[in-house]
């Protein structure tokens, strides 16, 4: 259940009086705004998420490239070693 600022004021005005209700509503509003300001810098925007997705995509492509550069010569070396020593392996 969401209560708007005006509804909160009306409920509190009946219980506490107009001046106290106004003061309490202002206090709550200030607390909420401060809490939002603190978290605003930490929260990710759509733009931040988009930049992160692009960065991850580039990193993935870079990793695949280096895996190919590293593993193809490794496998060729292993294949060459096996082929040159196949007669020793079979006997």
C-alpha atoms as a PDB file:
ATOM      1  CA  UNK A   1       0.000   0.000   0.000  1.00  0.00           C
ATOM      2  CA  UNK A   2       1.471   3.308  -1.056  1.00  0.00           C
ATOM      3  CA  UNK A   3       0.567   6.487   0.764  1.00  0.00           C
ATOM      4  CA  UNK A   4       1.110   9.817  -0.916  1.00  0.00           C
ATOM      5  CA  UNK A   5       2.523  12.788   0.913  1.00  0.00           C
ATOM      6  CA  UNK A   6      -0.907  14.408   1.082  1.00  0.00           C
ATOM      7  CA  UNK A   7      -2.566  11.252   2.417  1.00  0.00           C
ATOM      8  CA  UNK A   8       0.146  10.912   5.059  1.00  0.00           C
ATOM      9  CA  UNK A   9      -0.365  14.532   6.043  1.00  0.00           C
ATOM     10  CA  UNK A  10      -4.136  14.054   6.347  1.00  0.00           C
ATOM     11  CA  UNK A  11      -3.747  10.923   8.495  1.00  0.00           C
ATOM     12  CA  UNK A  12      -1.189  12.532  10.768  1.00  0.00           C
ATOM     13  CA  UNK A  13      -3.149  15.798  10.989  1.00  0.00           C
ATOM     14  CA  UNK A  14      -6.065  13.925  12.532  1.00  0.00           C
ATOM     15  CA  UNK A  15      -3.822  12.255  15.118  1.00  0.00           C
ATOM     16  CA  UNK A  16      -1.187  14.912  15.892  1.00  0.00           C
ATOM     17  CA  UNK A  17      -2.457  18.249  14.715  1.00  0.00           C
ATOM     18  CA  UNK A  18      -1.615  20.295  11.618  1.00  0.00           C
ATOM     19  CA  UNK A  19       1.737  21.769  12.668  1.00  0.00           C
ATOM     20  CA  UNK A  20       3.143  18.482  14.002  1.00  0.00           C
ATOM     21  CA  UNK A  21       1.874  16.586  10.961  1.00  0.00           C
ATOM     22  CA  UNK A  22       3.517  19.086   8.612  1.00  0.00           C
ATOM     23  CA  UNK A  23       6.803  18.842  10.523  1.00  0.00           C
ATOM     24  CA  UNK A  24       6.739  15.039  10.483  1.00  0.00           C
ATOM     25  CA  UNK A  25       5.915  14.868   6.758  1.00  0.00           C
ATOM     26  CA  UNK A  26       8.757  17.278   5.979  1.00  0.00           C
ATOM     27  CA  UNK A  27      11.110  15.182   8.111  1.00  0.00           C
ATOM     28  CA  UNK A  28      10.134  11.967   6.328  1.00  0.00           C
ATOM     29  CA  UNK A  29      10.446  13.656   2.937  1.00  0.00           C
ATOM     30  CA  UNK A  30      13.925  14.955   3.817  1.00  0.00           C
ATOM     31  CA  UNK A  31      15.030  11.512   5.029  1.00  0.00           C
ATOM     32  CA  UNK A  32      13.814   9.854   1.833  1.00  0.00           C
ATOM     33  CA  UNK A  33      15.561  12.460  -0.346  1.00  0.00           C
ATOM     34  CA  UNK A  34      18.838  12.050   1.564  1.00  0.00           C
ATOM     35  CA  UNK A  35      18.601   8.273   1.245  1.00  0.00           C
ATOM     36  CA  UNK A  36      18.053   8.600  -2.487  1.00  0.00           C
ATOM     37  CA  UNK A  37      20.965  11.026  -2.875  1.00  0.00           C
ATOM     38  CA  UNK A  38      23.267   8.589  -1.100  1.00  0.00           C
ATOM     39  CA  UNK A  39      22.208   5.667  -3.301  1.00  0.00           C
ATOM     40  CA  UNK A  40      22.001   7.655  -6.540  1.00  0.00           C
ATOM     41  CA  UNK A  41      25.737   7.418  -7.192  1.00  0.00           C
ATOM     42  CA  UNK A  42      25.761   3.666  -6.567  1.00  0.00           C
ATOM     43  CA  UNK A  43      22.801   2.719  -8.752  1.00  0.00           C
ATOM     44  CA  UNK A  44      23.453   1.719 -12.372  1.00  0.00           C
ATOM     45  CA  UNK A  45      21.632   3.511 -15.157  1.00  0.00           C
ATOM     46  CA  UNK A  46      20.652   1.991 -18.484  1.00  0.00           C
ATOM     47  CA  UNK A  47      23.652   3.762 -20.013  1.00  0.00           C
ATOM     48  CA  UNK A  48      25.990   2.194 -17.439  1.00  0.00           C
ATOM     49  CA  UNK A  49      24.588  -1.262 -18.140  1.00  0.00           C
ATOM     50  CA  UNK A  50      24.906  -0.725 -21.889  1.00  0.00           C
ATOM     51  CA  UNK A  51      28.572   0.288 -21.526  1.00  0.00           C
ATOM     52  CA  UNK A  52      29.202  -2.757 -19.359  1.00  0.00           C
ATOM     53  CA  UNK A  53      27.608  -5.085 -21.923  1.00  0.00           C
ATOM     54  CA  UNK A  54      29.826  -3.631 -24.663  1.00  0.00           C
ATOM     55  CA  UNK A  55      32.901  -4.041 -22.467  1.00  0.00           C
ATOM     56  CA  UNK A  56      32.020  -7.668 -21.704  1.00  0.00           C
ATOM     57  CA  UNK A  57      31.453  -8.383 -25.394  1.00  0.00           C
ATOM     58  CA  UNK A  58      34.844  -6.905 -26.321  1.00  0.00           C
ATOM     59  CA  UNK A  59      36.562  -8.817 -23.531  1.00  0.00           C
ATOM     60  CA  UNK A  60      34.972 -12.075 -24.664  1.00  0.00           C
ATOM     61  CA  UNK A  61      36.158 -11.548 -28.228  1.00  0.00           C
ATOM     62  CA  UNK A  62      39.650 -10.692 -26.985  1.00  0.00           C
ATOM     63  CA  UNK A  63      39.750 -13.817 -24.805  1.00  0.00           C
ATOM     64  CA  UNK A  64      38.675 -16.049 -27.690  1.00  0.00           C
ATOM     65  CA  UNK A  65      41.368 -14.526 -29.907  1.00  0.00           C
ATOM     66  CA  UNK A  66      44.086 -15.213 -27.337  1.00  0.00           C
ATOM     67  CA  UNK A  67      42.821 -18.733 -26.711  1.00  0.00           C
ATOM     68  CA  UNK A  68      43.142 -19.474 -30.430  1.00  0.00           C
ATOM     69  CA  UNK A  69      46.587 -17.852 -30.584  1.00  0.00           C
ATOM     70  CA  UNK A  70      47.768 -19.930 -27.632  1.00  0.00           C
ATOM     71  CA  UNK A  71      46.090 -23.309 -28.138  1.00  0.00           C
ATOM     72  CA  UNK A  72      46.579 -23.858 -31.897  1.00  0.00           C
ATOM     73  CA  UNK A  73      50.408 -23.782 -31.643  1.00  0.00           C
ATOM     74  CA  UNK A  74      50.175 -25.907 -28.495  1.00  0.00           C
ATOM     75  CA  UNK A  75      48.091 -28.562 -30.259  1.00  0.00           C
ATOM     76  CA  UNK A  76      50.326 -28.440 -33.332  1.00  0.00           C
ATOM     77  CA  UNK A  77      53.399 -28.929 -31.132  1.00  0.00           C
ATOM     78  CA  UNK A  78      51.727 -31.840 -29.384  1.00  0.00           C
ATOM     79  CA  UNK A  79      50.702 -33.368 -32.716  1.00  0.00           C
ATOM     80  CA  UNK A  80      54.250 -32.949 -34.043  1.00  0.00           C
ATOM     81  CA  UNK A  81      55.677 -34.604 -30.946  1.00  0.00           C
ATOM     82  CA  UNK A  82      53.278 -37.528 -31.264  1.00  0.00           C
ATOM     83  CA  UNK A  83      53.963 -37.960 -34.988  1.00  0.00           C
ATOM     84  CA  UNK A  84      57.743 -37.905 -34.544  1.00  0.00           C
ATOM     85  CA  UNK A  85      57.612 -40.411 -31.707  1.00  0.00           C
ATOM     86  CA  UNK A  86      54.761 -42.639 -32.930  1.00  0.00           C
ATOM     87  CA  UNK A  87      57.103 -45.534 -33.595  1.00  0.00           C
ATOM     88  CA  UNK A  88      58.384 -45.394 -29.998  1.00  0.00           C
ATOM     89  CA  UNK A  89      54.844 -45.147 -28.642  1.00  0.00           C
ATOM     90  CA  UNK A  90      53.540 -48.160 -30.590  1.00  0.00           C
ATOM     91  CA  UNK A  91      56.469 -50.485 -29.680  1.00  0.00           C
END
